[in-house]
């Protein structure tokens, strides 16, 4: 496993147009990369808080079905975000990602300045 070279495409923690994956190309020090780092840190912190909240609800016999549905919806969204962070970091470490065949690699990539 090798780390990706400089100027490799990074999967960002937000969607682009029409829910499509969004990428930035650069050395990881640009404004967009720094914003992505911040968003990822917030997402991971919120996931921990949500886990604590869900555990508290499981211990509370008074929780309703509506409350469980709400926390399940929030957990599902959080899991999607955490999965995306893990995929992005794995790709930057050179771990193959077969879940997304259209990952922009190769000479046809349109390079934007971050």
PDB file of N, CA and C in Angstrom:
ATOM      1  N   UNK A   1       0.844  -1.162   0.000  1.00  0.00           N
ATOM      2  CA  UNK A   1       0.000   0.000   0.000  1.00  0.00           C
ATOM      3  C   UNK A   1       0.894   1.232   0.000  1.00  0.00           C
ATOM      4  N   UNK A   2       0.690   2.120  -0.978  1.00  0.00           N
ATOM      5  CA  UNK A   2       1.477   3.337  -1.061  1.00  0.00           C
ATOM      6  C   UNK A   2       0.566   4.545  -1.032  1.00  0.00           C
ATOM      7  N   UNK A   3       1.071   5.639  -0.504  1.00  0.00           N
ATOM      8  CA  UNK A   3       0.277   6.854  -0.479  1.00  0.00           C
ATOM      9  C   UNK A   3       0.169   7.422  -1.881  1.00  0.00           C
ATOM     10  N   UNK A   4      -0.959   8.104  -2.155  1.00  0.00           N
ATOM     11  CA  UNK A   4      -1.150   8.709  -3.457  1.00  0.00           C
ATOM     12  C   UNK A   4      -0.148   9.836  -3.662  1.00  0.00           C
ATOM     13  N   UNK A   5       0.173  10.061  -4.916  1.00  0.00           N
ATOM     14  CA  UNK A   5       1.114  11.125  -5.246  1.00  0.00           C
ATOM     15  C   UNK A   5       0.467  12.491  -5.043  1.00  0.00           C
ATOM     16  N   UNK A   6       1.306  13.510  -4.996  1.00  0.00           N
ATOM     17  CA  UNK A   6       0.797  14.873  -4.927  1.00  0.00           C
ATOM     18  C   UNK A   6      -0.093  15.126  -6.135  1.00  0.00           C
ATOM     19  N   UNK A   7      -1.068  16.000  -5.951  1.00  0.00           N
ATOM     20  CA  UNK A   7      -2.001  16.356  -7.003  1.00  0.00           C
ATOM     21  C   UNK A   7      -2.931  15.208  -7.381  1.00  0.00           C
ATOM     22  N   UNK A   8      -3.144  14.262  -6.478  1.00  0.00           N
ATOM     23  CA  UNK A   8      -4.109  13.195  -6.709  1.00  0.00           C
ATOM     24  C   UNK A   8      -5.502  13.706  -6.331  1.00  0.00           C
ATOM     25  N   UNK A   9      -6.527  13.074  -6.886  1.00  0.00           N
ATOM     26  CA  UNK A   9      -7.901  13.469  -6.593  1.00  0.00           C
ATOM     27  C   UNK A   9      -8.291  13.013  -5.192  1.00  0.00           C
ATOM     28  N   UNK A  10      -8.891  13.914  -4.430  1.00  0.00           N
ATOM     29  CA  UNK A  10      -9.376  13.600  -3.077  1.00  0.00           C
ATOM     30  C   UNK A  10     -10.893  13.662  -3.085  1.00  0.00           C
ATOM     31  N   UNK A  11     -11.522  12.603  -2.605  1.00  0.00           N
ATOM     32  CA  UNK A  11     -12.968  12.595  -2.422  1.00  0.00           C
ATOM     33  C   UNK A  11     -13.311  13.529  -1.275  1.00  0.00           C
ATOM     34  N   UNK A  12     -14.190  14.481  -1.543  1.00  0.00           N
ATOM     35  CA  UNK A  12     -14.554  15.468  -0.528  1.00  0.00           C
ATOM     36  C   UNK A  12     -15.736  14.981   0.301  1.00  0.00           C
ATOM     37  N   UNK A  13     -15.889  15.518   1.511  1.00  0.00           N
ATOM     38  CA  UNK A  13     -16.961  15.049   2.394  1.00  0.00           C
ATOM     39  C   UNK A  13     -18.322  15.681   2.110  1.00  0.00           C
ATOM     40  N   UNK A  14     -18.517  16.211   0.921  1.00  0.00           N
ATOM     41  CA  UNK A  14     -19.821  16.743   0.520  1.00  0.00           C
ATOM     42  C   UNK A  14     -20.077  16.345  -0.922  1.00  0.00           C
ATOM     43  N   UNK A  15     -21.335  16.422  -1.314  1.00  0.00           N
ATOM     44  CA  UNK A  15     -21.730  16.056  -2.667  1.00  0.00           C
ATOM     45  C   UNK A  15     -21.600  17.243  -3.605  1.00  0.00           C
ATOM     46  N   UNK A  16     -21.402  16.923  -4.876  1.00  0.00           N
ATOM     47  CA  UNK A  16     -21.423  17.930  -5.916  1.00  0.00           C
ATOM     48  C   UNK A  16     -22.831  18.048  -6.476  1.00  0.00           C
ATOM     49  N   UNK A  17     -22.929  18.509  -7.680  1.00  0.00           N
ATOM     50  CA  UNK A  17     -24.228  18.669  -8.336  1.00  0.00           C
ATOM     51  C   UNK A  17     -24.955  17.339  -8.438  1.00  0.00           C
ATOM     52  N   UNK A  18     -26.247  17.395  -8.214  1.00  0.00           N
ATOM     53  CA  UNK A  18     -27.121  16.234  -8.349  1.00  0.00           C
ATOM     54  C   UNK A  18     -26.664  15.049  -7.505  1.00  0.00           C
ATOM     55  N   UNK A  19     -26.006  15.330  -6.372  1.00  0.00           N
ATOM     56  CA  UNK A  19     -25.595  14.272  -5.464  1.00  0.00           C
ATOM     57  C   UNK A  19     -24.390  13.465  -5.907  1.00  0.00           C
ATOM     58  N   UNK A  20     -23.702  13.935  -6.927  1.00  0.00           N
ATOM     59  CA  UNK A  20     -22.531  13.222  -7.434  1.00  0.00           C
ATOM     60  C   UNK A  20     -21.334  13.452  -6.512  1.00  0.00           C
ATOM     61  N   UNK A  21     -20.398  12.489  -6.467  1.00  0.00           N
ATOM     62  CA  UNK A  21     -19.186  12.691  -5.669  1.00  0.00           C
ATOM     63  C   UNK A  21     -18.436  13.941  -6.122  1.00  0.00           C
ATOM     64  N   UNK A  22     -17.798  14.592  -5.200  1.00  0.00           N
ATOM     65  CA  UNK A  22     -17.072  15.823  -5.467  1.00  0.00           C
ATOM     66  C   UNK A  22     -15.609  15.602  -5.086  1.00  0.00           C
ATOM     67  N   UNK A  23     -14.691  16.075  -5.913  1.00  0.00           N
ATOM     68  CA  UNK A  23     -13.255  15.850  -5.711  1.00  0.00           C
ATOM     69  C   UNK A  23     -12.486  17.159  -5.803  1.00  0.00           C
ATOM     70  N   UNK A  24     -11.324  17.169  -5.180  1.00  0.00           N
ATOM     71  CA  UNK A  24     -10.377  18.259  -5.340  1.00  0.00           C
ATOM     72  C   UNK A  24      -9.029  17.632  -5.688  1.00  0.00           C
ATOM     73  N   UNK A  25      -8.268  18.347  -6.501  1.00  0.00           N
ATOM     74  CA  UNK A  25      -6.936  17.891  -6.868  1.00  0.00           C
ATOM     75  C   UNK A  25      -5.933  18.887  -6.294  1.00  0.00           C
ATOM     76  N   UNK A  26      -4.932  18.367  -5.636  1.00  0.00           N
ATOM     77  CA  UNK A  26      -3.916  19.245  -5.070  1.00  0.00           C
ATOM     78  C   UNK A  26      -3.007  18.465  -4.139  1.00  0.00           C
ATOM     79  N   UNK A  27      -2.201  19.216  -3.422  1.00  0.00           N
ATOM     80  CA  UNK A  27      -1.244  18.571  -2.517  1.00  0.00           C
ATOM     81  C   UNK A  27      -1.782  18.438  -1.098  1.00  0.00           C
ATOM     82  N   UNK A  28      -3.055  18.807  -0.884  1.00  0.00           N
ATOM     83  CA  UNK A  28      -3.674  18.674   0.426  1.00  0.00           C
ATOM     84  C   UNK A  28      -3.505  19.865   1.326  1.00  0.00           C
ATOM     85  N   UNK A  29      -2.906  20.942   0.821  1.00  0.00           N
ATOM     86  CA  UNK A  29      -2.668  22.120   1.657  1.00  0.00           C
ATOM     87  C   UNK A  29      -3.516  23.316   1.247  1.00  0.00           C
ATOM     88  N   UNK A  30      -4.291  23.183   0.188  1.00  0.00           N
ATOM     89  CA  UNK A  30      -5.097  24.292  -0.314  1.00  0.00           C
ATOM     90  C   UNK A  30      -6.326  24.573   0.532  1.00  0.00           C
ATOM     91  N   UNK A  31      -7.006  25.643   0.196  1.00  0.00           N
ATOM     92  CA  UNK A  31      -8.186  26.095   0.939  1.00  0.00           C
ATOM     93  C   UNK A  31      -9.290  25.041   0.945  1.00  0.00           C
ATOM     94  N   UNK A  32      -9.561  24.406  -0.195  1.00  0.00           N
ATOM     95  CA  UNK A  32     -10.619  23.391  -0.260  1.00  0.00           C
ATOM     96  C   UNK A  32     -10.239  22.174   0.579  1.00  0.00           C
ATOM     97  N   UNK A  33      -8.996  21.760   0.509  1.00  0.00           N
ATOM     98  CA  UNK A  33      -8.537  20.625   1.319  1.00  0.00           C
ATOM     99  C   UNK A  33      -8.645  20.919   2.808  1.00  0.00           C
ATOM    100  N   UNK A  34      -8.288  22.137   3.191  1.00  0.00           N
ATOM    101  CA  UNK A  34      -8.400  22.508   4.605  1.00  0.00           C
ATOM    102  C   UNK A  34      -9.857  22.542   5.046  1.00  0.00           C
ATOM    103  N   UNK A  35     -10.732  23.040   4.189  1.00  0.00           N
ATOM    104  CA  UNK A  35     -12.169  23.036   4.502  1.00  0.00           C
ATOM    105  C   UNK A  35     -12.679  21.608   4.634  1.00  0.00           C
ATOM    106  N   UNK A  36     -12.216  20.720   3.755  1.00  0.00           N
ATOM    107  CA  UNK A  36     -12.615  19.313   3.822  1.00  0.00           C
ATOM    108  C   UNK A  36     -12.136  18.677   5.122  1.00  0.00           C
ATOM    109  N   UNK A  37     -10.920  18.992   5.542  1.00  0.00           N
ATOM    110  CA  UNK A  37     -10.405  18.477   6.819  1.00  0.00           C
ATOM    111  C   UNK A  37     -11.302  18.903   7.976  1.00  0.00           C
ATOM    112  N   UNK A  38     -11.723  20.169   7.958  1.00  0.00           N
ATOM    113  CA  UNK A  38     -12.585  20.695   9.010  1.00  0.00           C
ATOM    114  C   UNK A  38     -13.945  20.002   9.006  1.00  0.00           C
ATOM    115  N   UNK A  39     -14.530  19.846   7.821  1.00  0.00           N
ATOM    116  CA  UNK A  39     -15.835  19.190   7.720  1.00  0.00           C
ATOM    117  C   UNK A  39     -15.738  17.742   8.193  1.00  0.00           C
ATOM    118  N   UNK A  40     -14.686  17.040   7.791  1.00  0.00           N
ATOM    119  CA  UNK A  40     -14.512  15.655   8.229  1.00  0.00           C
ATOM    120  C   UNK A  40     -14.402  15.571   9.750  1.00  0.00           C
ATOM    121  N   UNK A  41     -13.646  16.477  10.356  1.00  0.00           N
ATOM    122  CA  UNK A  41     -13.489  16.465  11.810  1.00  0.00           C
ATOM    123  C   UNK A  41     -14.838  16.696  12.498  1.00  0.00           C
ATOM    124  N   UNK A  42     -15.635  17.608  11.969  1.00  0.00           N
ATOM    125  CA  UNK A  42     -16.961  17.870  12.536  1.00  0.00           C
ATOM    126  C   UNK A  42     -17.846  16.631  12.381  1.00  0.00           C
ATOM    127  N   UNK A  43     -17.833  16.024  11.196  1.00  0.00           N
ATOM    128  CA  UNK A  43     -18.653  14.835  10.958  1.00  0.00           C
ATOM    129  C   UNK A  43     -18.281  13.704  11.916  1.00  0.00           C
ATOM    130  N   UNK A  44     -16.999  13.475  12.111  1.00  0.00           N
ATOM    131  CA  UNK A  44     -16.560  12.404  13.006  1.00  0.00           C
ATOM    132  C   UNK A  44     -16.931  12.712  14.458  1.00  0.00           C
ATOM    133  N   UNK A  45     -16.796  13.968  14.867  1.00  0.00           N
ATOM    134  CA  UNK A  45     -17.191  14.353  16.222  1.00  0.00           C
ATOM    135  C   UNK A  45     -18.687  14.213  16.447  1.00  0.00           C
ATOM    136  N   UNK A  46     -19.470  14.617  15.454  1.00  0.00           N
ATOM    137  CA  UNK A  46     -20.919  14.479  15.571  1.00  0.00           C
ATOM    138  C   UNK A  46     -21.324  13.013  15.610  1.00  0.00           C
ATOM    139  N   UNK A  47     -20.610  12.155  14.896  1.00  0.00           N
ATOM    140  CA  UNK A  47     -20.904  10.721  14.923  1.00  0.00           C
ATOM    141  C   UNK A  47     -20.712  10.170  16.334  1.00  0.00           C
ATOM    142  N   UNK A  48     -19.653  10.574  17.002  1.00  0.00           N
ATOM    143  CA  UNK A  48     -19.428  10.123  18.383  1.00  0.00           C
ATOM    144  C   UNK A  48     -20.544  10.594  19.312  1.00  0.00           C
ATOM    145  N   UNK A  49     -20.944  11.846  19.165  1.00  0.00           N
ATOM    146  CA  UNK A  49     -22.046  12.370  19.984  1.00  0.00           C
ATOM    147  C   UNK A  49     -23.337  11.601  19.723  1.00  0.00           C
ATOM    148  N   UNK A  50     -23.584  11.290  18.472  1.00  0.00           N
ATOM    149  CA  UNK A  50     -24.798  10.562  18.099  1.00  0.00           C
ATOM    150  C   UNK A  50     -24.787   9.141  18.659  1.00  0.00           C
ATOM    151  N   UNK A  51     -23.630   8.502  18.645  1.00  0.00           N
ATOM    152  CA  UNK A  51     -23.516   7.164  19.237  1.00  0.00           C
ATOM    153  C   UNK A  51     -23.863   7.222  20.724  1.00  0.00           C
ATOM    154  N   UNK A  52     -23.324   8.215  21.427  1.00  0.00           N
ATOM    155  CA  UNK A  52     -23.635   8.369  22.846  1.00  0.00           C
ATOM    156  C   UNK A  52     -25.135   8.571  23.065  1.00  0.00           C
ATOM    157  N   UNK A  53     -25.742   9.399  22.230  1.00  0.00           N
ATOM    158  CA  UNK A  53     -27.182   9.667  22.334  1.00  0.00           C
ATOM    159  C   UNK A  53     -27.982   8.383  22.085  1.00  0.00           C
ATOM    160  N   UNK A  54     -27.617   7.629  21.066  1.00  0.00           N
ATOM    161  CA  UNK A  54     -28.323   6.383  20.753  1.00  0.00           C
ATOM    162  C   UNK A  54     -28.187   5.380  21.897  1.00  0.00           C
ATOM    163  N   UNK A  55     -27.004   5.292  22.484  1.00  0.00           N
ATOM    164  CA  UNK A  55     -26.810   4.380  23.615  1.00  0.00           C
ATOM    165  C   UNK A  55     -27.684   4.784  24.802  1.00  0.00           C
ATOM    166  N   UNK A  56     -27.782   6.095  25.060  1.00  0.00           N
ATOM    167  CA  UNK A  56     -28.653   6.569  26.140  1.00  0.00           C
ATOM    168  C   UNK A  56     -30.107   6.196  25.864  1.00  0.00           C
ATOM    169  N   UNK A  57     -30.530   6.345  24.614  1.00  0.00           N
ATOM    170  CA  UNK A  57     -31.905   5.993  24.257  1.00  0.00           C
ATOM    171  C   UNK A  57     -32.174   4.502  24.444  1.00  0.00           C
ATOM    172  N   UNK A  58     -31.213   3.672  24.108  1.00  0.00           N
ATOM    173  CA  UNK A  58     -31.380   2.231  24.272  1.00  0.00           C
ATOM    174  C   UNK A  58     -31.541   1.842  25.738  1.00  0.00           C
ATOM    175  N   UNK A  59     -30.942   2.625  26.622  1.00  0.00           N
ATOM    176  CA  UNK A  59     -31.042   2.353  28.053  1.00  0.00           C
ATOM    177  C   UNK A  59     -32.310   2.935  28.680  1.00  0.00           C
ATOM    178  N   UNK A  60     -33.039   3.755  27.929  1.00  0.00           N
ATOM    179  CA  UNK A  60     -34.225   4.438  28.450  1.00  0.00           C
ATOM    180  C   UNK A  60     -35.487   3.712  27.982  1.00  0.00           C
ATOM    181  N   UNK A  61     -36.193   3.095  28.912  1.00  0.00           N
ATOM    182  CA  UNK A  61     -37.408   2.347  28.573  1.00  0.00           C
ATOM    183  C   UNK A  61     -38.556   3.247  28.114  1.00  0.00           C
ATOM    184  N   UNK A  62     -38.425   4.543  28.296  1.00  0.00           N
ATOM    185  CA  UNK A  62     -39.509   5.465  27.933  1.00  0.00           C
ATOM    186  C   UNK A  62     -39.424   5.959  26.498  1.00  0.00           C
ATOM    187  N   UNK A  63     -38.378   5.613  25.765  1.00  0.00           N
ATOM    188  CA  UNK A  63     -38.229   6.089  24.382  1.00  0.00           C
ATOM    189  C   UNK A  63     -39.333   5.514  23.498  1.00  0.00           C
ATOM    190  N   UNK A  64     -39.829   6.363  22.627  1.00  0.00           N
ATOM    191  CA  UNK A  64     -40.927   5.962  21.750  1.00  0.00           C
ATOM    192  C   UNK A  64     -40.397   5.479  20.410  1.00  0.00           C
ATOM    193  N   UNK A  65     -41.296   4.882  19.645  1.00  0.00           N
ATOM    194  CA  UNK A  65     -40.936   4.431  18.300  1.00  0.00           C
ATOM    195  C   UNK A  65     -40.512   5.614  17.429  1.00  0.00           C
ATOM    196  N   UNK A  66     -41.187   6.726  17.574  1.00  0.00           N
ATOM    197  CA  UNK A  66     -40.842   7.921  16.789  1.00  0.00           C
ATOM    198  C   UNK A  66     -39.427   8.382  17.126  1.00  0.00           C
ATOM    199  N   UNK A  67     -39.070   8.359  18.402  1.00  0.00           N
ATOM    200  CA  UNK A  67     -37.720   8.758  18.806  1.00  0.00           C
ATOM    201  C   UNK A  67     -36.672   7.795  18.244  1.00  0.00           C
ATOM    202  N   UNK A  68     -36.980   6.497  18.280  1.00  0.00           N
ATOM    203  CA  UNK A  68     -36.048   5.528  17.711  1.00  0.00           C
ATOM    204  C   UNK A  68     -35.913   5.701  16.197  1.00  0.00           C
ATOM    205  N   UNK A  69     -37.015   5.987  15.524  1.00  0.00           N
ATOM    206  CA  UNK A  69     -36.935   6.239  14.072  1.00  0.00           C
ATOM    207  C   UNK A  69     -36.055   7.446  13.785  1.00  0.00           C
ATOM    208  N   UNK A  70     -36.228   8.486  14.578  1.00  0.00           N
ATOM    209  CA  UNK A  70     -35.437   9.705  14.382  1.00  0.00           C
ATOM    210  C   UNK A  70     -33.950   9.415  14.576  1.00  0.00           C
ATOM    211  N   UNK A  71     -33.591   8.739  15.659  1.00  0.00           N
ATOM    212  CA  UNK A  71     -32.172   8.470  15.903  1.00  0.00           C
ATOM    213  C   UNK A  71     -31.631   7.490  14.860  1.00  0.00           C
ATOM    214  N   UNK A  72     -32.449   6.563  14.389  1.00  0.00           N
ATOM    215  CA  UNK A  72     -31.997   5.640  13.346  1.00  0.00           C
ATOM    216  C   UNK A  72     -31.718   6.388  12.045  1.00  0.00           C
ATOM    217  N   UNK A  73     -32.561   7.346  11.714  1.00  0.00           N
ATOM    218  CA  UNK A  73     -32.332   8.174  10.523  1.00  0.00           C
ATOM    219  C   UNK A  73     -31.033   8.958  10.660  1.00  0.00           C
ATOM    220  N   UNK A  74     -30.820   9.542  11.834  1.00  0.00           N
ATOM    221  CA  UNK A  74     -29.593  10.312  12.072  1.00  0.00           C
ATOM    222  C   UNK A  74     -28.365   9.404  12.034  1.00  0.00           C
ATOM    223  N   UNK A  75     -28.469   8.211  12.620  1.00  0.00           N
ATOM    224  CA  UNK A  75     -27.347   7.270  12.594  1.00  0.00           C
ATOM    225  C   UNK A  75     -27.023   6.836  11.170  1.00  0.00           C
ATOM    226  N   UNK A  76     -28.051   6.620  10.357  1.00  0.00           N
ATOM    227  CA  UNK A  76     -27.836   6.215   8.968  1.00  0.00           C
ATOM    228  C   UNK A  76     -27.091   7.296   8.199  1.00  0.00           C
ATOM    229  N   UNK A  77     -27.513   8.542   8.348  1.00  0.00           N
ATOM    230  CA  UNK A  77     -26.826   9.645   7.668  1.00  0.00           C
ATOM    231  C   UNK A  77     -25.389   9.776   8.171  1.00  0.00           C
ATOM    232  N   UNK A  78     -25.208   9.657   9.458  1.00  0.00           N
ATOM    233  CA  UNK A  78     -23.867   9.761  10.032  1.00  0.00           C
ATOM    234  C   UNK A  78     -22.967   8.636   9.532  1.00  0.00           C
ATOM    235  N   UNK A  79     -23.514   7.436   9.436  1.00  0.00           N
ATOM    236  CA  UNK A  79     -22.724   6.306   8.936  1.00  0.00           C
ATOM    237  C   UNK A  79     -22.307   6.542   7.488  1.00  0.00           C
ATOM    238  N   UNK A  80     -23.200   7.132   6.682  1.00  0.00           N
ATOM    239  CA  UNK A  80     -22.822   7.477   5.298  1.00  0.00           C
ATOM    240  C   UNK A  80     -21.646   8.451   5.285  1.00  0.00           C
ATOM    241  N   UNK A  81     -21.711   9.453   6.149  1.00  0.00           N
ATOM    242  CA  UNK A  81     -20.641  10.456   6.201  1.00  0.00           C
ATOM    243  C   UNK A  81     -19.326   9.841   6.657  1.00  0.00           C
ATOM    244  N   UNK A  82     -19.372   9.017   7.692  1.00  0.00           N
ATOM    245  CA  UNK A  82     -18.161   8.389   8.210  1.00  0.00           C
ATOM    246  C   UNK A  82     -17.577   7.423   7.172  1.00  0.00           C
ATOM    247  N   UNK A  83     -18.449   6.713   6.464  1.00  0.00           N
ATOM    248  CA  UNK A  83     -17.985   5.812   5.400  1.00  0.00           C
ATOM    249  C   UNK A  83     -17.271   6.603   4.312  1.00  0.00           C
ATOM    250  N   UNK A  84     -17.818   7.748   3.958  1.00  0.00           N
ATOM    251  CA  UNK A  84     -17.196   8.592   2.933  1.00  0.00           C
ATOM    252  C   UNK A  84     -15.827   9.091   3.390  1.00  0.00           C
ATOM    253  N   UNK A  85     -15.721   9.476   4.665  1.00  0.00           N
ATOM    254  CA  UNK A  85     -14.433   9.909   5.207  1.00  0.00           C
ATOM    255  C   UNK A  85     -13.432   8.759   5.133  1.00  0.00           C
ATOM    256  N   UNK A  86     -13.868   7.562   5.512  1.00  0.00           N
ATOM    257  CA  UNK A  86     -12.971   6.397   5.475  1.00  0.00           C
ATOM    258  C   UNK A  86     -12.535   6.095   4.043  1.00  0.00           C
ATOM    259  N   UNK A  87     -13.464   6.158   3.093  1.00  0.00           N
ATOM    260  CA  UNK A  87     -13.110   5.917   1.691  1.00  0.00           C
ATOM    261  C   UNK A  87     -12.121   6.955   1.194  1.00  0.00           C
ATOM    262  N   UNK A  88     -12.373   8.215   1.520  1.00  0.00           N
ATOM    263  CA  UNK A  88     -11.487   9.292   1.078  1.00  0.00           C
ATOM    264  C   UNK A  88     -10.077   9.088   1.628  1.00  0.00           C
ATOM    265  N   UNK A  89      -9.998   8.764   2.897  1.00  0.00           N
ATOM    266  CA  UNK A  89      -8.681   8.572   3.510  1.00  0.00           C
ATOM    267  C   UNK A  89      -8.008   7.323   2.963  1.00  0.00           C
ATOM    268  N   UNK A  90      -8.785   6.271   2.734  1.00  0.00           N
ATOM    269  CA  UNK A  90      -8.226   5.058   2.147  1.00  0.00           C
ATOM    270  C   UNK A  90      -7.684   5.306   0.755  1.00  0.00           C
ATOM    271  N   UNK A  91      -8.424   6.055  -0.048  1.00  0.00           N
ATOM    272  CA  UNK A  91      -7.958   6.369  -1.402  1.00  0.00           C
ATOM    273  C   UNK A  91      -6.643   7.148  -1.358  1.00  0.00           C
ATOM    274  N   UNK A  92      -6.530   8.062  -0.400  1.00  0.00           N
ATOM    275  CA  UNK A  92      -5.295   8.849  -0.293  1.00  0.00           C
ATOM    276  C   UNK A  92      -4.120   8.005   0.172  1.00  0.00           C
ATOM    277  N   UNK A  93      -4.411   6.880   0.807  1.00  0.00           N
ATOM    278  CA  UNK A  93      -3.351   5.959   1.226  1.00  0.00           C
ATOM    279  C   UNK A  93      -3.069   4.900   0.171  1.00  0.00           C
ATOM    280  N   UNK A  94      -3.802   4.943  -0.923  1.00  0.00           N
ATOM    281  CA  UNK A  94      -3.579   3.994  -2.010  1.00  0.00           C
ATOM    282  C   UNK A  94      -4.371   2.706  -1.880  1.00  0.00           C
ATOM    283  N   UNK A  95      -5.365   2.674  -0.999  1.00  0.00           N
ATOM    284  CA  UNK A  95      -6.212   1.494  -0.855  1.00  0.00           C
ATOM    285  C   UNK A  95      -7.222   1.503  -1.996  1.00  0.00           C
ATOM    286  N   UNK A  96      -7.287   0.435  -2.816  1.00  0.00           N
ATOM    287  CA  UNK A  96      -8.240   0.412  -3.927  1.00  0.00           C
ATOM    288  C   UNK A  96      -9.675   0.515  -3.425  1.00  0.00           C
ATOM    289  N   UNK A  97     -10.486   1.249  -4.164  1.00  0.00           N
ATOM    290  CA  UNK A  97     -11.893   1.424  -3.803  1.00  0.00           C
ATOM    291  C   UNK A  97     -12.751   0.962  -4.959  1.00  0.00           C
ATOM    292  N   UNK A  98     -13.282  -0.219  -4.837  1.00  0.00           N
ATOM    293  CA  UNK A  98     -14.104  -0.769  -5.915  1.00  0.00           C
ATOM    294  C   UNK A  98     -15.566  -0.345  -5.803  1.00  0.00           C
ATOM    295  N   UNK A  99     -15.915   0.396  -4.766  1.00  0.00           N
ATOM    296  CA  UNK A  99     -17.304   0.816  -4.615  1.00  0.00           C
ATOM    297  C   UNK A  99     -17.639   2.006  -5.497  1.00  0.00           C
ATOM    298  N   UNK A 100     -16.647   2.623  -6.075  1.00  0.00           N
ATOM    299  CA  UNK A 100     -16.899   3.782  -6.929  1.00  0.00           C
ATOM    300  C   UNK A 100     -15.982   3.716  -8.144  1.00  0.00           C
ATOM    301  N   UNK A 101     -16.497   3.149  -9.223  1.00  0.00           N
ATOM    302  CA  UNK A 101     -15.667   2.935 -10.407  1.00  0.00           C
ATOM    303  C   UNK A 101     -15.315   4.226 -11.120  1.00  0.00           C
ATOM    304  N   UNK A 102     -16.064   5.293 -10.899  1.00  0.00           N
ATOM    305  CA  UNK A 102     -15.780   6.528 -11.622  1.00  0.00           C
ATOM    306  C   UNK A 102     -14.826   7.457 -10.887  1.00  0.00           C
ATOM    307  N   UNK A 103     -14.087   6.935  -9.893  1.00  0.00           N
ATOM    308  CA  UNK A 103     -13.115   7.779  -9.200  1.00  0.00           C
ATOM    309  C   UNK A 103     -12.168   8.385 -10.221  1.00  0.00           C
ATOM    310  N   UNK A 104     -12.003   9.691 -10.189  1.00  0.00           N
ATOM    311  CA  UNK A 104     -11.226  10.360 -11.235  1.00  0.00           C
ATOM    312  C   UNK A 104      -9.723  10.131 -11.092  1.00  0.00           C
ATOM    313  N   UNK A 105      -9.230   9.180 -11.827  1.00  0.00           N
ATOM    314  CA  UNK A 105      -7.791   8.949 -11.887  1.00  0.00           C
ATOM    315  C   UNK A 105      -7.396   8.947 -13.349  1.00  0.00           C
ATOM    316  N   UNK A 106      -6.180   9.212 -13.604  1.00  0.00           N
ATOM    317  CA  UNK A 106      -5.716   9.150 -14.978  1.00  0.00           C
ATOM    318  C   UNK A 106      -5.629  10.506 -15.639  1.00  0.00           C
ATOM    319  N   UNK A 107      -5.185  10.515 -16.893  1.00  0.00           N
ATOM    320  CA  UNK A 107      -4.875  11.763 -17.585  1.00  0.00           C
ATOM    321  C   UNK A 107      -6.085  12.591 -17.986  1.00  0.00           C
ATOM    322  N   UNK A 108      -7.287  12.013 -17.999  1.00  0.00           N
ATOM    323  CA  UNK A 108      -8.460  12.755 -18.435  1.00  0.00           C
ATOM    324  C   UNK A 108      -9.071  13.631 -17.360  1.00  0.00           C
ATOM    325  N   UNK A 109      -8.512  13.648 -16.170  1.00  0.00           N
ATOM    326  CA  UNK A 109      -9.060  14.396 -15.058  1.00  0.00           C
ATOM    327  C   UNK A 109      -8.930  15.891 -15.304  1.00  0.00           C
ATOM    328  N   UNK A 110     -10.015  16.616 -15.130  1.00  0.00           N
ATOM    329  CA  UNK A 110      -9.975  18.071 -15.217  1.00  0.00           C
ATOM    330  C   UNK A 110      -9.448  18.589 -13.898  1.00  0.00           C
ATOM    331  N   UNK A 111      -8.379  19.315 -13.949  1.00  0.00           N
ATOM    332  CA  UNK A 111      -7.739  19.785 -12.715  1.00  0.00           C
ATOM    333  C   UNK A 111      -8.126  21.236 -12.438  1.00  0.00           C
ATOM    334  N   UNK A 112      -8.699  21.443 -11.251  1.00  0.00           N
ATOM    335  CA  UNK A 112      -9.059  22.772 -10.813  1.00  0.00           C
ATOM    336  C   UNK A 112      -8.136  23.181  -9.688  1.00  0.00           C
ATOM    337  N   UNK A 113      -7.864  24.444  -9.589  1.00  0.00           N
ATOM    338  CA  UNK A 113      -7.008  24.910  -8.487  1.00  0.00           C
ATOM    339  C   UNK A 113      -7.825  24.981  -7.220  1.00  0.00           C
ATOM    340  N   UNK A 114      -7.345  24.344  -6.138  1.00  0.00           N
ATOM    341  CA  UNK A 114      -8.098  24.375  -4.881  1.00  0.00           C
ATOM    342  C   UNK A 114      -8.030  25.739  -4.228  1.00  0.00           C
TER     343      UNK A 114
END
